[in-house]
Protein backbone atom coordinates (compact mmCIF):
# COMPACT_ATOMS: atom_id res chain seq x y z
CA MET A 1 -23.24 9.35 11.05
CA GLU A 2 -20.53 10.40 13.46
CA ARG A 3 -18.17 13.09 12.29
CA ARG A 4 -14.49 12.13 12.52
CA SER A 5 -11.54 14.43 12.61
CA PHE A 6 -8.91 14.56 9.90
CA HIS A 7 -6.36 12.96 12.24
CA ASP A 8 -8.72 10.09 13.02
CA GLU A 9 -9.20 9.52 9.30
CA GLN A 10 -5.42 9.57 8.81
CA SER A 11 -4.90 6.97 11.53
CA ARG A 12 -7.66 4.80 10.12
CA ASN A 13 -6.22 5.06 6.61
CA LYS A 14 -2.74 4.05 7.82
CA ARG A 15 -4.16 1.07 9.70
CA ASP A 16 -6.23 -0.02 6.69
CA SER A 17 -3.20 0.36 4.41
CA ILE A 18 -1.12 -1.92 6.62
CA ILE A 19 -3.90 -4.50 6.81
CA LEU A 20 -4.27 -4.39 3.02
CA ALA A 21 -0.51 -4.82 2.56
CA ILE A 22 -0.53 -7.86 4.85
CA VAL A 23 -3.46 -9.46 3.02
CA VAL A 24 -1.92 -8.83 -0.41
CA SER A 25 1.41 -10.22 0.80
CA ALA A 26 -0.26 -13.37 2.10
CA VAL A 27 -2.16 -13.91 -1.15
CA LEU A 28 0.95 -13.30 -3.27
CA PHE A 29 3.03 -15.67 -1.14
CA ALA A 30 0.33 -18.36 -1.28
CA LEU A 31 0.13 -17.96 -5.04
CA ILE A 32 3.90 -18.34 -5.45
CA VAL A 33 3.99 -21.44 -3.24
CA SER A 34 0.92 -22.98 -4.92
CA ILE A 35 2.24 -22.48 -8.44
CA SER A 36 5.66 -23.87 -7.51
CA TYR A 37 4.02 -26.89 -5.85
CA ILE A 38 1.82 -27.58 -8.88
CA TRP A 39 4.69 -27.12 -11.32
CA ASP A 40 7.31 -29.13 -9.43
CA PRO A 41 6.67 -30.27 -5.84
CA THR A 42 10.40 -30.51 -5.10
CA SER A 43 10.89 -26.86 -6.02
CA VAL A 44 8.77 -25.67 -3.08
CA TYR A 45 11.81 -25.73 -0.80
CA ILE A 46 13.61 -23.38 -3.16
CA MET A 47 10.63 -21.19 -3.99
CA VAL A 48 9.55 -20.47 -0.40
CA PRO A 49 12.60 -18.27 0.34
CA VAL A 50 12.35 -16.75 -3.15
CA GLY A 51 8.65 -16.10 -2.54
CA VAL A 52 9.39 -14.42 0.77
CA VAL A 53 11.91 -12.10 -0.89
CA ILE A 54 9.64 -11.30 -3.84
CA THR A 55 6.67 -10.68 -1.54
CA PHE A 56 8.70 -8.42 0.75
CA ILE A 57 10.09 -6.35 -2.13
CA TYR A 58 6.68 -6.02 -3.80
CA THR A 59 4.89 -5.05 -0.59
CA TRP A 60 7.56 -2.61 0.55
CA SER A 61 7.79 -0.86 -2.81
CA SER A 62 4.00 -0.64 -3.11
CA TYR A 63 3.71 0.86 0.36
CA GLN A 64 6.58 3.32 -0.18
CA TYR A 65 5.81 4.50 -3.70
CA GLY A 66 2.05 3.95 -4.10
CA ASP A 67 1.14 7.50 -3.11
CA LYS A 68 3.63 8.99 -5.57
CA VAL A 69 2.22 6.88 -8.41
CA VAL A 70 -1.36 7.94 -7.66
CA LEU A 71 -0.48 11.63 -7.28
CA SER A 72 1.54 11.74 -10.50
CA SER A 73 -1.09 9.85 -12.49
CA THR A 74 -3.79 12.36 -11.47
CA GLY A 75 -1.59 15.39 -12.08
CA ALA A 76 -1.91 16.59 -8.47
CA GLN A 77 -0.01 19.70 -7.42
CA PRO A 78 0.89 21.06 -3.97
CA ALA A 79 -1.71 23.47 -2.58
CA GLU A 80 0.70 26.19 -1.50
CA GLY A 81 0.70 29.95 -1.63
CA PRO A 82 -1.95 32.63 -1.31
CA LYS A 83 -4.13 31.06 -3.98
CA TYR A 84 -4.96 28.10 -1.69
CA ILE A 85 -5.36 29.82 1.70
CA TYR A 86 -9.05 28.94 2.00
CA LEU A 87 -8.40 25.31 1.04
CA ASN A 88 -5.55 24.95 3.54
CA ASP A 89 -7.58 26.54 6.33
CA THR A 90 -10.55 24.29 5.60
CA VAL A 91 -8.56 21.06 5.47
CA GLU A 92 -6.13 21.71 8.30
CA GLY A 93 -8.63 23.38 10.60
């Protein structure tokens, strides 16, 4: 297995996050349009713009605040100060 640098992993993670956000947005939009078509076919023309807005807000907020939710739910703390010198040197090279 090839060893990758931390920066390569960061770039890969960002790319994968964007791809995941696009896929989730497409599925959410398709779900909104499908449900509105099944419920009332004439409401599709109204629900498509509403679906675009809902999908955009959901995707943007997930992308912006997802890291904060995960970090706070695990109780993570910043690794700063002399106590974490070895950890910082190991991770940052």
